Amino acid sequence: MDGASWDLAEIPLSETQERYQVKIFSGAQLLRQDEVHQAQWHYSAAMQSLDGAQGLLELQVAQLSESFGPGLFRKFPFTI
């Protein structure tokens, strides 16, 4: 419980639901922030258009914990 076992491939965190925070940045400007309940997310053409997304962007994603809030964000640069 609460990450106490290191013997398993995935550390059990005793969360009641799977949640992630996804952010899209253009430089320092936050274009979009979403919360998702599965380990996948699609940045659709409609979302990109609404956000005015173009050029070099950065996706940031962190798992959300009811006990601790967001974990460390992983950052992935990409270009539209």
Protein backbone atom coordinates (compact mmCIF):
# COMPACT_ATOMS: atom_id res chain seq x y z
CA MET A 1 0.00 0.00 0.00
CA ASP A 2 1.07 3.58 -0.71
CA GLY A 3 4.08 2.38 -2.70
CA ALA A 4 5.48 0.25 0.12
CA SER A 5 6.34 -2.77 -2.04
CA TRP A 6 9.22 -2.58 -4.54
CA ASP A 7 8.92 -6.26 -5.51
CA LEU A 8 6.25 -5.72 -8.18
CA ALA A 9 6.57 -4.35 -11.71
CA GLU A 10 4.10 -1.60 -10.81
CA ILE A 11 4.02 -0.04 -7.36
CA PRO A 12 0.48 -0.26 -5.88
CA LEU A 13 -0.61 3.21 -4.83
CA SER A 14 -4.05 2.28 -3.49
CA GLU A 15 -5.72 4.89 -5.69
CA THR A 16 -9.45 4.57 -6.25
CA GLN A 17 -9.17 5.69 -9.87
CA GLU A 18 -6.62 6.20 -12.62
CA ARG A 19 -6.13 9.91 -13.42
CA TYR A 20 -3.56 11.96 -15.33
CA GLN A 21 -3.05 15.67 -15.88
CA VAL A 22 -2.07 16.58 -19.44
CA LYS A 23 -0.72 20.02 -20.40
CA ILE A 24 0.25 21.46 -23.77
CA PHE A 25 2.67 24.39 -23.86
CA SER A 26 3.91 26.67 -26.61
CA GLY A 27 7.07 28.05 -25.03
CA ALA A 28 5.98 29.27 -21.58
CA GLN A 29 2.33 29.71 -22.65
CA LEU A 30 -0.11 27.04 -21.45
CA LEU A 31 -2.42 26.23 -24.36
CA ARG A 32 -4.44 23.38 -22.87
CA GLN A 33 -4.83 21.46 -19.61
CA ASP A 34 -6.95 18.32 -19.35
CA GLU A 35 -7.57 15.59 -16.81
CA VAL A 36 -7.94 12.09 -18.24
CA HIS A 37 -8.90 8.76 -16.68
CA GLN A 38 -6.82 6.41 -18.82
CA ALA A 39 -3.21 6.18 -19.98
CA GLN A 40 -3.97 7.63 -23.41
CA TRP A 41 -4.97 11.01 -24.78
CA HIS A 42 -5.45 12.38 -28.31
CA TYR A 43 -4.71 15.98 -29.31
CA SER A 44 -7.27 16.24 -32.08
CA ALA A 45 -7.09 18.64 -35.03
CA ALA A 46 -10.10 20.50 -33.59
CA MET A 47 -8.32 20.95 -30.24
CA GLN A 48 -5.15 22.11 -31.99
CA SER A 49 -7.12 24.64 -34.03
CA LEU A 50 -8.99 25.94 -30.98
CA ASP A 51 -5.69 26.29 -29.08
CA GLY A 52 -3.91 28.00 -31.99
CA ALA A 53 -1.25 25.30 -31.68
CA GLN A 54 1.57 25.41 -34.21
CA GLY A 55 5.32 24.89 -34.42
CA LEU A 56 7.30 23.41 -31.55
CA LEU A 57 5.11 22.44 -28.58
CA GLU A 58 5.61 20.50 -25.36
CA LEU A 59 3.33 17.86 -23.89
CA GLN A 60 3.58 17.41 -20.12
CA VAL A 61 1.86 14.55 -18.31
CA ALA A 62 1.72 13.49 -14.65
CA GLN A 63 -0.26 10.86 -12.80
CA LEU A 64 -2.65 12.33 -10.22
CA SER A 65 -2.92 10.92 -6.72
CA GLU A 66 -5.76 11.59 -4.31
CA SER A 67 -3.20 11.58 -1.48
CA PHE A 68 -0.32 13.51 -3.03
CA GLY A 69 -1.66 15.46 -6.02
CA PRO A 70 0.28 15.36 -9.28
CA GLY A 71 3.45 13.32 -9.51
CA LEU A 72 6.48 14.42 -11.50
CA PHE A 73 5.65 15.66 -14.98
CA ARG A 74 7.25 13.93 -17.98
CA LYS A 75 7.93 16.32 -20.85
CA PHE A 76 7.74 15.43 -24.55
CA PRO A 77 8.53 18.00 -27.26
CA PHE A 78 6.67 17.66 -30.57
CA THR A 79 6.00 19.72 -33.69
CA ILE A 80 2.73 20.50 -35.47
